[in-house]
Amino acid sequence: MVVAAILVALLVYSGVVPLLNRYPYQSLIPPDRVEALDCVLVSNPVKTGSGTFYRCTVELEQVSGTVENGAVLATSQASGRATVFLPAAFVEAHYPGKLYSAVLGSSRSQAATTGLVEQGARLSLKVRAASQSDAPGLHLAGGEPVFYGSDCRYNGFSPGWWGTVQRFRGLCRLQFKRLMYGWGDAGGLLVALLCGSAEYTDRVVGDAFRQAGLAHVLALSGMHLSFFAGLAAGLVRGTGRHFSRLFSLLAVVLFVWFAGLSPSLLRSLMGSLLGMAAGLWGIRCGMVRMLALCFFLHLMLAPHDLQQLSFQLSYLALAGILLAGPLFEPATHRFLPPAVASSVSASVGAQIFSTPVTLLSLGTMMPGGIVASVVVSPLVSVFMTVGVVAIILSLLWPPLGEPLGHLVNLLYTCVTIPVRLFAKIPILELS
């Protein structure tokens, strides 16, 4: 299975076996002629580095545009998916601390209805097709069309029980952001760690995480699932092994439902589900073979993820931890305590396997990430634990919110100080 996974990866990434687009654009109007569209959000909006737009994936329902050399305005049904950049003012209209006018877009006479812009929301947009200079590389990811939106209109969620569930999830995420906004920068980091939204993370701190080689800490992954699984297991300790595993599984599924599926989080979820199933049924399976099985399942469920950098780094880093990490343990155990030696070995293995992709795609390498991960990851775990407990206590008794906020901010300072120090280590760049 492991050899098969390696061969499939080589065939796919070498271009010998191209990946088919599962959601191709289909309409009577070509993508470059589309001027307006109706769609449904199928991903969480993610803020771009410039802060001007939010990037999201949408399911198309209807498009409008000009045909016959711009002489005729036509409307056509559409299917497939597209990447859309939404104006930040439209997405953040109801966010705490983000106060915008109800009239958005270039035309003051045309009011735009704002609402809960979360996964499952239905939108009507005026758009323009993005050029290669606007969105370099995006046109290569599965062949999806790319649009920049304006004059956006919120049309609510789909009718029925599933639309109600999606709206409830969006409201939960919005209320969580409002609660964390009161805790300042510490709350912003908790939003990134627990919700996958980085719009409230201090930009200097976010850049420091990336420069220190700790971007994986902010990206939702197996570390976060392990945290919630361990926290859930600790709450029901003494109730039996099977019930503890099932309760941990419930906690993991609820967290993924709340945070949304990113490629790294989907890989971690599949690994958790397979591991728990193997434990319940008494099946012994090595971690490397489990990772290979996750790769094949991921390939079937979401083949478009293979083009994303987060997918590649997630699988390569874990493969490095499992394959290369044990090779360095004998040397590290000679000089370091066992717990620290294991962390250093795992970090070295992850760095070795992920560095080639990082160099090819970003042209950079963060050598300080090996030590930074060993130092910062435990501090982040403590910060998340205290933060989750503080959130629960604040919800149960609101007057505790302010003093607990001070405690969380103190821990936030303890986390960010070493991150800023490691960020000063020079980054190696390809010339």
Protein backbone atom coordinates (compact mmCIF):
# COMPACT_ATOMS: atom_id res chain seq x y z
CA MET A 1 0.00 0.00 0.00
CA VAL A 2 2.84 2.38 0.81
CA VAL A 3 4.61 1.65 -2.48
CA ALA A 4 1.34 2.10 -4.36
CA ALA A 5 0.75 5.49 -2.71
CA ILE A 6 4.26 6.65 -3.67
CA LEU A 7 3.78 5.51 -7.29
CA VAL A 8 0.40 7.23 -7.56
CA ALA A 9 1.85 10.46 -6.14
CA LEU A 10 4.72 10.34 -8.65
CA LEU A 11 2.35 9.73 -11.56
CA VAL A 12 0.02 12.55 -10.53
CA TYR A 13 2.62 15.21 -9.74
CA SER A 14 4.72 14.39 -12.80
CA GLY A 15 1.65 14.99 -14.98
CA VAL A 16 1.63 11.47 -16.44
CA VAL A 17 -1.84 10.88 -14.96
CA PRO A 18 -3.75 14.18 -14.92
CA LEU A 19 -6.39 14.82 -12.29
CA LEU A 20 -9.88 15.31 -13.66
CA ASN A 21 -11.88 18.27 -12.43
CA ARG A 22 -14.83 16.80 -10.52
CA TYR A 23 -16.73 20.10 -10.67
CA PRO A 24 -16.02 21.58 -14.14
CA TYR A 25 -17.53 24.87 -15.21
CA GLN A 26 -20.52 24.25 -17.48
CA SER A 27 -22.65 27.02 -18.97
CA LEU A 28 -23.64 28.53 -22.29
CA ILE A 29 -21.66 31.67 -21.40
CA PRO A 30 -17.84 31.39 -21.42
CA PRO A 31 -16.15 32.25 -18.09
CA ASP A 32 -14.36 35.29 -19.53
CA ARG A 33 -17.76 36.77 -20.55
CA VAL A 34 -19.46 36.30 -17.18
CA GLU A 35 -20.52 39.59 -15.54
CA ALA A 36 -22.88 38.35 -12.80
CA LEU A 37 -23.56 35.06 -11.06
CA ASP A 38 -25.69 33.36 -8.42
CA CYS A 39 -23.83 30.87 -6.26
CA VAL A 40 -23.57 29.01 -2.95
CA LEU A 41 -20.47 29.18 -0.75
CA VAL A 42 -18.90 25.74 -0.29
CA SER A 43 -15.89 26.85 1.74
CA ASN A 44 -15.11 29.27 4.55
CA PRO A 45 -13.99 32.69 3.25
CA VAL A 46 -10.26 33.11 3.85
CA LYS A 47 -8.74 36.59 4.00
CA THR A 48 -5.99 37.31 1.49
CA GLY A 49 -2.61 38.67 2.47
CA SER A 50 -3.52 42.17 1.28
CA GLY A 51 -6.62 42.21 3.49
CA THR A 52 -8.75 43.62 0.66
CA PHE A 53 -10.53 40.41 -0.34
CA TYR A 54 -11.66 37.06 0.98
CA ARG A 55 -11.01 34.01 -1.16
CA CYS A 56 -13.69 31.30 -1.29
CA THR A 57 -14.95 28.43 -3.43
CA VAL A 58 -18.52 28.64 -4.74
CA GLU A 59 -20.98 26.29 -6.41
CA LEU A 60 -22.44 28.04 -9.45
CA GLU A 61 -26.20 28.11 -10.12
CA GLN A 62 -26.69 30.83 -12.74
CA VAL A 63 -24.50 33.24 -14.69
CA SER A 64 -25.13 36.29 -16.84
CA GLY A 65 -22.92 37.95 -19.40
CA THR A 66 -22.58 39.36 -22.88
CA VAL A 67 -22.34 37.23 -25.99
CA GLU A 68 -22.06 37.92 -29.72
CA ASN A 69 -19.25 40.44 -29.35
CA GLY A 70 -20.87 42.16 -26.40
CA ALA A 71 -24.09 42.97 -28.21
CA VAL A 72 -26.45 40.66 -26.31
CA LEU A 73 -26.87 40.25 -22.55
CA ALA A 74 -27.78 36.65 -21.80
CA THR A 75 -28.51 34.55 -18.71
CA SER A 76 -27.79 30.85 -18.45
CA GLN A 77 -27.93 28.10 -15.88
CA ALA A 78 -24.50 27.03 -14.70
CA SER A 79 -22.89 24.21 -12.75
CA GLY A 80 -19.45 23.49 -11.40
CA ARG A 81 -17.25 25.41 -9.01
CA ALA A 82 -15.27 28.61 -9.20
CA THR A 83 -12.91 30.63 -7.04
CA VAL A 84 -14.32 34.03 -6.08
CA PHE A 85 -12.64 36.94 -4.31
CA LEU A 86 -15.23 38.77 -2.23
CA PRO A 87 -14.70 42.35 -0.97
CA ALA A 88 -13.62 42.39 2.69
CA ALA A 89 -16.26 45.02 3.53
CA PHE A 90 -19.03 42.66 2.42
CA VAL A 91 -17.74 39.60 4.31
CA GLU A 92 -16.92 41.52 7.49
CA ALA A 93 -20.10 43.63 7.61
CA HIS A 94 -21.31 41.86 10.78
CA TYR A 95 -17.92 41.03 12.31
CA PRO A 96 -17.11 42.63 15.68
CA GLY A 97 -14.94 45.69 15.25
CA LYS A 98 -15.57 45.78 11.49
CA LEU A 99 -18.07 48.59 11.01
CA TYR A 100 -19.10 49.16 7.40
CA SER A 101 -22.00 50.93 5.71
CA ALA A 102 -24.97 48.83 4.63
CA VAL A 103 -24.46 50.21 1.13
CA LEU A 104 -21.53 48.41 -0.45
CA GLY A 105 -20.06 48.42 -3.90
CA SER A 106 -19.30 51.16 -6.37
CA SER A 107 -22.89 52.37 -6.75
CA ARG A 108 -24.33 54.28 -3.79
CA SER A 109 -27.81 54.11 -5.24
CA GLN A 110 -27.82 50.31 -5.21
CA ALA A 111 -28.12 48.86 -1.72
CA ALA A 112 -26.50 45.51 -1.09
CA THR A 113 -28.06 43.16 1.43
CA THR A 114 -25.42 41.99 3.88
CA GLY A 115 -25.68 38.91 6.02
CA LEU A 116 -23.90 35.87 7.37
CA VAL A 117 -21.23 35.16 4.75
CA GLU A 118 -20.31 31.64 5.79
CA GLN A 119 -20.26 28.23 4.17
CA GLY A 120 -23.73 27.48 2.79
CA ALA A 121 -24.72 31.12 2.17
CA ARG A 122 -26.34 31.98 -1.16
CA LEU A 123 -24.97 35.06 -2.92
CA SER A 124 -25.63 37.16 -6.02
CA LEU A 125 -22.55 38.95 -7.34
CA LYS A 126 -21.42 41.21 -10.10
CA VAL A 127 -18.05 39.87 -11.16
CA ARG A 128 -15.19 40.22 -13.57
CA ALA A 129 -13.01 37.35 -14.71
CA ALA A 130 -9.55 37.43 -13.17
CA SER A 131 -6.52 37.59 -15.41
CA GLN A 132 -3.28 35.71 -14.86
CA SER A 133 -1.73 38.87 -13.40
CA ASP A 134 -4.63 39.26 -10.94
CA ALA A 135 -4.44 35.70 -9.63
CA PRO A 136 -1.21 34.00 -10.76
CA GLY A 137 -1.33 30.22 -10.45
CA LEU A 138 -4.99 30.00 -9.50
CA HIS A 139 -6.06 29.14 -13.06
CA LEU A 140 -3.84 26.07 -12.90
CA ALA A 141 -5.57 24.60 -9.83
CA GLY A 142 -8.08 22.22 -11.39
CA GLY A 143 -9.00 24.59 -14.19
CA GLU A 144 -11.58 26.45 -12.09
CA PRO A 145 -12.53 29.94 -13.31
CA VAL A 146 -11.55 32.80 -11.03
CA PHE A 147 -13.67 35.93 -10.47
CA TYR A 148 -13.47 39.15 -8.49
CA GLY A 149 -16.83 40.06 -6.97
CA SER A 150 -18.51 43.42 -6.43
CA ASP A 151 -22.03 44.70 -5.69
CA CYS A 152 -22.62 41.62 -3.58
CA ARG A 153 -26.05 40.57 -2.34
CA TYR A 154 -26.76 38.06 0.44
CA ASN A 155 -29.70 35.72 -0.27
CA GLY A 156 -29.80 33.70 2.96
CA PHE A 157 -29.27 29.95 3.24
CA SER A 158 -30.91 27.08 1.38
CA PRO A 159 -34.36 26.05 2.66
CA GLY A 160 -34.64 22.77 4.54
CA TRP A 161 -32.88 21.14 7.45
CA TRP A 162 -29.38 21.27 5.94
CA GLY A 163 -29.63 24.99 5.31
CA THR A 164 -30.75 25.43 8.92
CA VAL A 165 -27.74 23.45 10.14
CA GLN A 166 -25.36 25.53 8.02
CA ARG A 167 -26.88 28.78 9.24
CA PHE A 168 -26.59 27.59 12.86
CA ARG A 169 -22.92 26.77 12.28
CA GLY A 170 -22.32 30.23 10.80
CA LEU A 171 -24.02 31.90 13.77
CA CYS A 172 -21.88 29.86 16.17
CA ARG A 173 -18.71 30.98 14.40
CA LEU A 174 -19.87 34.61 14.40
CA GLN A 175 -20.74 34.56 18.12
CA PHE A 176 -17.39 32.95 18.88
CA LYS A 177 -15.60 35.78 17.07
CA ARG A 178 -17.63 38.34 19.00
CA LEU A 179 -16.68 36.70 22.30
CA MET A 180 -13.00 36.52 21.39
CA TYR A 181 -12.94 40.11 20.15
CA GLY A 182 -13.29 41.23 23.75
CA TRP A 183 -10.03 39.49 24.62
CA GLY A 184 -7.95 41.50 22.14
CA ASP A 185 -4.91 39.96 20.48
CA ALA A 186 -5.12 36.79 22.58
CA GLY A 187 -8.68 36.28 21.40
CA GLY A 188 -7.56 36.80 17.82
CA LEU A 189 -5.01 33.99 18.15
CA LEU A 190 -7.66 31.72 19.70
CA VAL A 191 -9.94 32.44 16.73
CA ALA A 192 -7.16 31.30 14.39
CA LEU A 193 -6.40 28.17 16.43
CA LEU A 194 -9.99 27.08 17.08
CA CYS A 195 -11.91 28.53 14.15
CA GLY A 196 -9.41 28.63 11.30
CA SER A 197 -10.00 32.37 10.71
CA ALA A 198 -6.96 34.62 10.79
CA GLU A 199 -8.60 38.04 10.31
CA TYR A 200 -8.21 38.90 14.01
CA THR A 201 -4.65 37.65 14.37
CA ASP A 202 -2.16 40.46 14.84
CA ARG A 203 -0.42 40.79 11.49
CA VAL A 204 3.04 41.17 13.04
CA VAL A 205 2.52 38.03 15.12
CA GLY A 206 1.16 36.11 12.13
CA ASP A 207 4.21 37.09 10.06
CA ALA A 208 6.46 36.07 12.97
CA PHE A 209 4.89 32.59 13.05
CA ARG A 210 5.59 32.17 9.33
CA GLN A 211 9.13 33.56 9.50
CA ALA A 212 9.92 31.27 12.43
CA GLY A 213 8.79 28.22 10.46
CA LEU A 214 5.68 27.79 12.62
CA ALA A 215 2.95 28.35 10.03
CA HIS A 216 1.76 24.77 10.67
CA VAL A 217 0.83 25.78 14.21
CA LEU A 218 -1.78 28.24 12.89
CA ALA A 219 -2.99 25.84 10.18
CA LEU A 220 -5.66 23.47 11.50
CA SER A 221 -4.18 19.99 11.47
CA GLY A 222 -3.58 16.85 13.48
CA MET A 223 -2.23 18.82 16.44
CA HIS A 224 -5.63 20.44 16.93
CA LEU A 225 -7.53 17.16 16.57
CA SER A 226 -5.21 15.47 19.05
CA PHE A 227 -5.77 18.35 21.45
CA PHE A 228 -9.57 18.05 21.36
CA ALA A 229 -9.49 14.25 21.43
CA GLY A 230 -7.22 14.31 24.50
CA LEU A 231 -9.32 17.00 26.17
CA ALA A 232 -12.51 15.00 25.61
CA ALA A 233 -10.90 11.80 26.86
CA GLY A 234 -9.76 13.59 30.02
CA LEU A 235 -13.30 14.82 30.73
CA VAL A 236 -14.72 11.26 30.73
CA ARG A 237 -11.77 9.50 32.32
CA GLY A 238 -12.84 6.41 34.20
CA THR A 239 -15.94 5.71 32.10
CA GLY A 240 -14.38 2.89 30.07
CA ARG A 241 -12.11 2.71 27.06
CA HIS A 242 -14.82 2.34 24.41
CA PHE A 243 -16.96 5.21 25.72
CA SER A 244 -13.87 7.41 26.04
CA ARG A 245 -12.95 6.77 22.40
CA LEU A 246 -16.47 7.43 21.18
CA PHE A 247 -16.65 10.67 23.17
CA SER A 248 -13.29 11.73 21.76
CA LEU A 249 -14.57 10.93 18.26
CA LEU A 250 -17.64 13.08 18.87
CA ALA A 251 -15.45 15.98 20.03
CA VAL A 252 -13.23 15.66 16.96
CA VAL A 253 -16.19 15.56 14.53
CA LEU A 254 -17.82 18.59 16.18
CA PHE A 255 -14.57 20.56 15.98
CA VAL A 256 -14.12 19.73 12.28
CA TRP A 257 -17.76 20.66 11.61
CA PHE A 258 -17.23 24.00 13.38
CA ALA A 259 -13.84 24.83 11.85
CA GLY A 260 -14.44 23.52 8.32
CA LEU A 261 -12.49 21.01 6.25
CA SER A 262 -9.10 22.11 5.03
CA PRO A 263 -6.83 19.56 3.27
CA SER A 264 -4.67 19.09 6.37
CA LEU A 265 -7.70 18.81 8.63
CA LEU A 266 -9.36 16.25 6.35
CA ARG A 267 -6.19 14.15 6.40
CA SER A 268 -6.09 14.34 10.19
CA LEU A 269 -9.79 13.50 10.51
CA MET A 270 -9.48 10.42 8.31
CA GLY A 271 -6.45 9.29 10.30
CA SER A 272 -8.32 9.75 13.57
CA LEU A 273 -11.38 7.86 12.31
CA LEU A 274 -9.28 5.00 10.96
CA GLY A 275 -7.22 4.81 14.14
CA MET A 276 -10.28 4.77 16.38
CA ALA A 277 -11.98 2.15 14.21
CA ALA A 278 -8.89 -0.04 14.27
CA GLY A 279 -8.71 0.28 18.06
CA LEU A 280 -12.38 -0.60 18.54
CA TRP A 281 -12.12 -3.64 16.27
CA GLY A 282 -8.73 -4.79 17.56
CA ILE A 283 -6.93 -4.29 14.23
CA ARG A 284 -3.22 -3.49 14.34
CA CYS A 285 -1.99 -1.27 11.54
CA GLY A 286 1.27 0.63 11.22
CA MET A 287 1.14 4.41 11.04
CA VAL A 288 2.90 4.54 7.66
CA ARG A 289 0.33 2.21 6.11
CA MET A 290 -2.41 4.24 7.77
CA LEU A 291 -1.02 7.39 6.14
CA ALA A 292 -0.97 5.65 2.74
CA LEU A 293 -4.60 4.58 3.21
CA CYS A 294 -5.53 8.18 4.11
CA PHE A 295 -3.82 9.34 0.90
CA PHE A 296 -5.96 7.02 -1.23
CA LEU A 297 -9.16 7.97 0.59
CA HIS A 298 -8.28 11.66 0.21
CA LEU A 299 -7.63 11.10 -3.48
CA MET A 300 -11.14 9.65 -3.89
CA LEU A 301 -12.98 12.16 -1.69
CA ALA A 302 -11.27 15.42 -2.69
CA PRO A 303 -8.83 14.94 -5.60
CA HIS A 304 -8.63 18.71 -6.16
CA ASP A 305 -6.84 19.04 -2.80
CA LEU A 306 -3.73 17.41 -4.29
CA GLN A 307 -2.91 20.68 -6.07
CA GLN A 308 -2.85 22.66 -2.82
CA LEU A 309 0.38 23.34 -0.96
CA SER A 310 -1.23 22.63 2.41
CA PHE A 311 -2.09 19.09 1.24
CA GLN A 312 1.45 18.39 0.10
CA LEU A 313 3.11 19.78 3.22
CA SER A 314 0.68 17.98 5.51
CA TYR A 315 1.38 14.53 4.07
CA LEU A 316 5.11 15.09 3.61
CA ALA A 317 5.59 16.41 7.15
CA LEU A 318 3.81 13.43 8.71
CA ALA A 319 5.71 11.02 6.45
CA GLY A 320 8.94 12.64 7.61
CA ILE A 321 7.94 12.28 11.26
CA LEU A 322 7.13 8.58 10.77
CA LEU A 323 10.03 7.60 8.48
CA ALA A 324 12.93 9.96 9.16
CA GLY A 325 12.17 10.91 12.77
CA PRO A 326 13.11 7.51 14.29
CA LEU A 327 16.47 7.60 12.49
CA PHE A 328 17.53 10.68 14.47
CA GLU A 329 16.25 9.53 17.87
CA PRO A 330 19.41 7.58 18.91
CA ALA A 331 21.57 10.66 18.35
CA THR A 332 19.22 13.10 20.09
CA HIS A 333 18.69 10.80 23.08
CA ARG A 334 22.41 11.06 23.88
CA PHE A 335 22.20 14.78 24.58
CA LEU A 336 18.56 15.55 25.42
CA PRO A 337 15.83 14.26 27.77
CA PRO A 338 13.62 11.59 26.17
CA ALA A 339 10.55 13.81 25.68
CA VAL A 340 12.58 16.64 24.14
CA ALA A 341 14.64 14.22 22.03
CA SER A 342 11.51 12.71 20.50
CA SER A 343 10.13 16.17 19.66
CA VAL A 344 13.41 17.26 18.07
CA SER A 345 13.64 14.05 16.02
CA ALA A 346 10.07 14.45 14.78
CA SER A 347 10.68 18.10 13.89
CA VAL A 348 13.86 17.23 11.97
CA GLY A 349 12.06 14.50 10.05
CA ALA A 350 9.19 16.79 9.12
CA GLN A 351 11.61 19.51 8.02
CA ILE A 352 13.63 17.14 5.81
CA PHE A 353 10.61 15.83 3.93
CA SER A 354 8.78 19.15 3.54
CA THR A 355 11.76 21.38 2.68
CA PRO A 356 12.03 20.39 -1.04
CA VAL A 357 8.39 21.37 -1.67
CA THR A 358 8.80 24.59 0.32
CA LEU A 359 11.89 25.53 -1.69
CA LEU A 360 10.25 24.75 -5.03
CA SER A 361 6.96 26.53 -4.30
CA LEU A 362 8.02 29.42 -2.05
CA GLY A 363 11.75 29.60 -2.64
CA THR A 364 12.44 29.81 1.10
CA MET A 365 13.57 27.61 3.99
CA MET A 366 13.21 28.32 7.71
CA PRO A 367 16.05 26.46 9.49
CA GLY A 368 14.95 27.77 12.88
CA GLY A 369 11.65 25.93 12.56
CA ILE A 370 13.14 22.71 13.97
CA VAL A 371 13.93 24.21 17.38
CA ALA A 372 11.04 26.69 17.28
CA SER A 373 8.49 23.91 16.92
CA VAL A 374 9.88 22.07 19.95
CA VAL A 375 9.72 25.20 22.12
CA VAL A 376 6.51 26.84 20.91
CA SER A 377 4.20 23.85 20.33
CA PRO A 378 3.91 22.95 24.06
CA LEU A 379 3.24 26.61 24.90
CA VAL A 380 0.49 26.75 22.27
CA SER A 381 -1.07 23.59 23.72
CA VAL A 382 -1.17 25.18 27.18
CA PHE A 383 -2.57 28.39 25.67
CA MET A 384 -5.33 26.46 23.88
CA THR A 385 -6.19 24.43 26.99
CA VAL A 386 -6.51 27.48 29.21
CA GLY A 387 -8.36 29.32 26.43
CA VAL A 388 -10.97 26.58 25.98
CA VAL A 389 -11.54 26.31 29.75
CA ALA A 390 -11.81 30.11 29.98
CA ILE A 391 -14.35 30.18 27.15
CA ILE A 392 -16.52 27.56 28.86
CA LEU A 393 -16.36 29.36 32.23
CA SER A 394 -17.14 32.71 30.59
CA LEU A 395 -20.22 31.26 28.92
CA LEU A 396 -21.40 29.71 32.18
CA TRP A 397 -20.78 32.90 34.22
CA PRO A 398 -20.19 36.03 32.06
CA PRO A 399 -18.62 38.15 34.90
CA LEU A 400 -15.60 35.83 34.72
CA GLY A 401 -14.93 36.91 31.15
CA GLU A 402 -12.80 39.96 31.98
CA PRO A 403 -10.42 38.38 34.55
CA LEU A 404 -10.05 35.26 32.45
CA GLY A 405 -9.30 37.46 29.46
CA HIS A 406 -6.35 38.95 31.38
CA LEU A 407 -5.06 35.43 32.13
CA VAL A 408 -5.34 34.39 28.49
CA ASN A 409 -3.51 37.55 27.39
CA LEU A 410 -0.70 36.78 29.84
CA LEU A 411 -0.29 33.35 28.28
CA TYR A 412 -0.50 34.96 24.84
CA THR A 413 2.55 37.06 25.74
CA CYS A 414 4.40 33.91 26.86
CA VAL A 415 3.68 32.35 23.46
CA THR A 416 4.52 35.32 21.25
CA ILE A 417 7.84 36.26 22.90
CA PRO A 418 9.68 33.08 21.76
CA VAL A 419 7.90 33.25 18.39
CA ARG A 420 9.26 36.75 17.80
CA LEU A 421 12.74 35.62 18.86
CA PHE A 422 12.77 32.64 16.49
CA ALA A 423 11.46 34.87 13.71
CA LYS A 424 14.76 36.79 13.84
CA ILE A 425 16.65 33.72 12.58
CA PRO A 426 17.55 34.46 8.94
CA ILE A 427 15.45 32.78 6.28
CA LEU A 428 17.31 30.94 3.54
CA GLU A 429 16.14 31.95 0.08
CA LEU A 430 16.85 30.50 -3.34
CA SER A 431 18.58 33.07 -5.52
